[in-house]
């Protein structure tokens, strides 16, 4: 019997980080149905996020993150399709998932789906990030991230007034 090697997060070493998007019509118990559909697949969710859907005909979009191997990912998609009929693979480290259809925005408004995918300090940046211990950097990063997260297609593009130091820094980087 093969023993599975687990990483620090408890996932199989053969698993890869995955983000799925599924959309639902609002009704009592729909999230429980979706979670029940994937409960027996032996995956552990690391994030679940909901927001009102921008897709006509759907009320809410859910994003879930988890580690899975290719078989688990395929089974998760099939299970969710039985309940939602709209499942999209947003991000995966899989080498092969059937069917392999990379996500690509078809409409400009599709880009709004990813407005909240900005790296936020403490969420996805490592503690060894150069600005991790700089409170001024962290506050400025949060300010700019909030502006970016709130922007939607069709709105005027927000103007950010960069500081003299920011302009000088990016001037050095650019050159």
Protein backbone atom coordinates (compact mmCIF):
# COMPACT_ATOMS: atom_id res chain seq x y z
CA UNK A 1 0.00 0.00 0.00
CA UNK A 2 1.43 3.37 -1.03
CA UNK A 3 1.61 5.99 1.65
CA UNK A 4 0.73 9.47 0.56
CA UNK A 5 3.22 12.22 1.29
CA UNK A 6 1.55 15.29 2.77
CA UNK A 7 2.89 18.84 2.54
CA UNK A 8 2.73 21.49 5.29
CA UNK A 9 -0.91 22.26 4.40
CA UNK A 10 -1.96 18.62 4.69
CA UNK A 11 -2.46 18.24 0.93
CA UNK A 12 -0.96 15.42 -1.12
CA UNK A 13 2.43 16.29 -2.62
CA UNK A 14 0.92 15.49 -6.03
CA UNK A 15 -1.75 18.14 -5.52
CA UNK A 16 -1.61 21.64 -6.95
CA UNK A 17 -3.27 24.91 -5.95
CA UNK A 18 -6.58 25.43 -7.71
CA UNK A 19 -9.18 28.20 -7.88
CA UNK A 20 -12.68 27.46 -9.19
CA UNK A 21 -15.53 29.85 -9.87
CA UNK A 22 -19.09 28.58 -9.77
CA UNK A 23 -22.30 30.57 -10.12
CA UNK A 24 -25.71 29.90 -8.61
CA UNK A 25 -29.27 31.16 -8.53
CA UNK A 26 -30.07 32.40 -5.04
CA UNK A 27 -32.27 30.11 -2.99
CA UNK A 28 -32.27 28.68 0.50
CA UNK A 29 -29.64 25.96 0.90
CA UNK A 30 -27.83 26.35 -2.43
CA UNK A 31 -24.39 26.85 -0.85
CA UNK A 32 -24.91 23.77 1.35
CA UNK A 33 -25.80 21.77 -1.78
CA UNK A 34 -22.61 22.94 -3.49
CA UNK A 35 -20.42 22.15 -0.50
CA UNK A 36 -22.13 18.79 -0.03
CA UNK A 37 -21.40 18.00 -3.69
CA UNK A 38 -17.67 18.25 -3.03
CA UNK A 39 -17.55 17.05 0.59
CA UNK A 40 -16.84 13.41 -0.25
CA UNK A 41 -14.02 14.24 -2.69
CA UNK A 42 -11.38 14.48 0.05
CA UNK A 43 -10.37 18.08 -0.62
CA UNK A 44 -9.86 20.81 1.92
CA UNK A 45 -10.97 24.31 0.98
CA UNK A 46 -8.46 27.02 1.85
CA UNK A 47 -10.72 29.92 0.81
CA UNK A 48 -14.33 30.52 -0.13
CA UNK A 49 -15.56 33.89 -1.32
CA UNK A 50 -18.91 35.04 -2.62
CA UNK A 51 -20.12 38.10 -4.46
CA UNK A 52 -23.10 39.17 -6.52
CA UNK A 53 -22.72 37.77 -10.02
CA UNK A 54 -22.16 39.98 -13.03
CA UNK A 55 -23.21 37.13 -15.32
CA UNK A 56 -26.81 37.44 -16.54
CA UNK A 57 -29.03 34.65 -15.21
CA UNK A 58 -26.99 34.02 -12.06
CA UNK A 59 -27.34 35.64 -8.65
CA UNK A 60 -24.05 34.82 -6.92
CA UNK A 61 -20.52 33.78 -7.84
CA UNK A 62 -18.42 31.69 -5.48
CA UNK A 63 -14.65 31.34 -5.65
CA UNK A 64 -13.06 28.38 -3.90
CA UNK A 65 -9.36 27.62 -3.44
CA UNK A 66 -8.06 24.15 -2.62
CA UNK A 67 -5.23 21.75 -3.34
CA UNK A 68 -6.12 18.80 -5.56
CA UNK A 69 -4.63 16.33 -7.94
CA UNK A 70 -5.97 16.11 -11.50
CA UNK A 71 -8.52 13.41 -10.67
CA UNK A 72 -9.87 15.33 -7.68
CA UNK A 73 -10.13 18.50 -9.78
CA UNK A 74 -12.00 16.69 -12.53
CA UNK A 75 -14.36 15.09 -9.98
CA UNK A 76 -14.92 18.43 -8.24
CA UNK A 77 -15.88 20.08 -11.52
CA UNK A 78 -18.28 17.24 -12.36
CA UNK A 79 -19.87 17.35 -8.88
CA UNK A 80 -20.37 21.10 -8.99
CA UNK A 81 -21.76 21.01 -12.54
CA UNK A 82 -24.57 18.76 -11.26
CA UNK A 83 -25.65 21.51 -8.86
CA UNK A 84 -24.62 24.73 -10.65
CA UNK A 85 -24.15 24.01 -14.38
CA UNK A 86 -21.56 26.81 -14.49
CA UNK A 87 -18.09 26.00 -13.22
CA UNK A 88 -14.91 27.67 -14.43
CA UNK A 89 -11.32 26.78 -13.62
CA UNK A 90 -9.72 30.11 -12.83
CA UNK A 91 -6.27 28.94 -11.86
CA UNK A 92 -4.63 25.55 -11.63
CA UNK A 93 -1.19 24.02 -11.51
CA UNK A 94 -2.50 20.94 -13.30
CA UNK A 95 -0.68 19.74 -16.37
CA UNK A 96 -3.81 18.23 -17.82
CA UNK A 97 -7.44 18.68 -16.92
CA UNK A 98 -10.23 17.40 -19.09
CA UNK A 99 -11.35 19.52 -20.79
CA UNK A 100 -8.42 21.93 -20.93
CA UNK A 101 -9.94 25.31 -21.61
CA UNK A 102 -7.90 28.21 -20.33
CA UNK A 103 -9.96 31.10 -19.08
CA UNK A 104 -9.80 34.18 -21.23
CA UNK A 105 -11.98 37.28 -20.89
CA UNK A 106 -14.59 37.38 -23.63
CA UNK A 107 -16.00 40.75 -22.63
CA UNK A 108 -14.36 43.73 -20.99
CA UNK A 109 -16.64 43.28 -18.00
CA UNK A 110 -15.16 39.80 -17.45
CA UNK A 111 -12.08 41.56 -16.10
CA UNK A 112 -14.14 42.82 -13.14
CA UNK A 113 -14.26 39.20 -11.94
CA UNK A 114 -10.62 39.57 -10.95
CA UNK A 115 -10.70 43.02 -9.38
CA UNK A 116 -10.16 41.52 -5.93
CA UNK A 117 -7.27 39.31 -6.99
CA UNK A 118 -4.70 41.96 -6.06
CA UNK A 119 -2.03 40.80 -3.67
CA UNK A 120 -2.77 42.21 -0.26
CA UNK A 121 -0.15 42.49 2.44
CA UNK A 122 -0.41 39.52 4.76
CA UNK A 123 -2.61 37.47 2.42
CA UNK A 124 -0.25 36.36 -0.31
CA UNK A 125 3.00 38.26 0.23
CA UNK A 126 5.72 36.54 2.18
CA UNK A 127 7.10 37.96 5.40
CA UNK A 128 10.42 38.46 3.59
CA UNK A 129 8.83 40.94 1.14
CA UNK A 130 10.92 44.16 1.27
CA UNK A 131 7.94 46.22 2.46
CA UNK A 132 6.58 43.72 4.97
CA UNK A 133 7.82 45.65 8.01
CA UNK A 134 7.37 49.15 6.59
CA UNK A 135 4.08 50.64 7.91
CA UNK A 136 4.18 53.51 5.39
CA UNK A 137 4.57 51.07 2.48
CA UNK A 138 1.81 48.83 3.82
CA UNK A 139 -0.62 51.74 4.24
CA UNK A 140 0.14 53.04 0.75
CA UNK A 141 -0.21 49.58 -0.77
CA UNK A 142 -3.59 49.15 0.96
CA UNK A 143 -4.74 52.58 -0.32
CA UNK A 144 -3.81 51.80 -3.93
CA UNK A 145 -5.25 48.26 -3.71
CA UNK A 146 -8.60 49.64 -2.46
CA UNK A 147 -8.75 52.03 -5.44
CA UNK A 148 -8.00 49.17 -7.84
CA UNK A 149 -10.45 46.76 -6.19
CA UNK A 150 -13.32 49.24 -6.39
CA UNK A 151 -12.82 50.09 -10.07
CA UNK A 152 -15.18 48.47 -12.57
CA UNK A 153 -15.30 48.48 -16.33
CA UNK A 154 -17.11 51.52 -17.68
CA UNK A 155 -16.13 53.78 -14.80
CA UNK A 156 -13.55 56.51 -15.33
CA UNK A 157 -10.09 55.16 -14.58
CA UNK A 158 -9.06 56.46 -11.15
CA UNK A 159 -6.11 58.83 -11.07
CA UNK A 160 -3.54 58.05 -8.41
CA UNK A 161 -1.26 60.88 -7.33
CA UNK A 162 2.08 59.20 -6.85
CA UNK A 163 4.54 60.63 -4.34
CA UNK A 164 7.89 62.07 -5.41
CA UNK A 165 9.64 59.06 -3.84
CA UNK A 166 7.40 56.59 -5.76
CA UNK A 167 8.10 58.38 -9.05
CA UNK A 168 11.84 58.37 -8.37
CA UNK A 169 11.81 54.69 -7.37
CA UNK A 170 9.93 53.57 -10.50
CA UNK A 171 12.14 55.84 -12.62
CA UNK A 172 15.18 53.90 -11.36
CA UNK A 173 13.41 50.57 -11.95
CA UNK A 174 12.34 51.57 -15.46
CA UNK A 175 15.81 52.78 -16.48
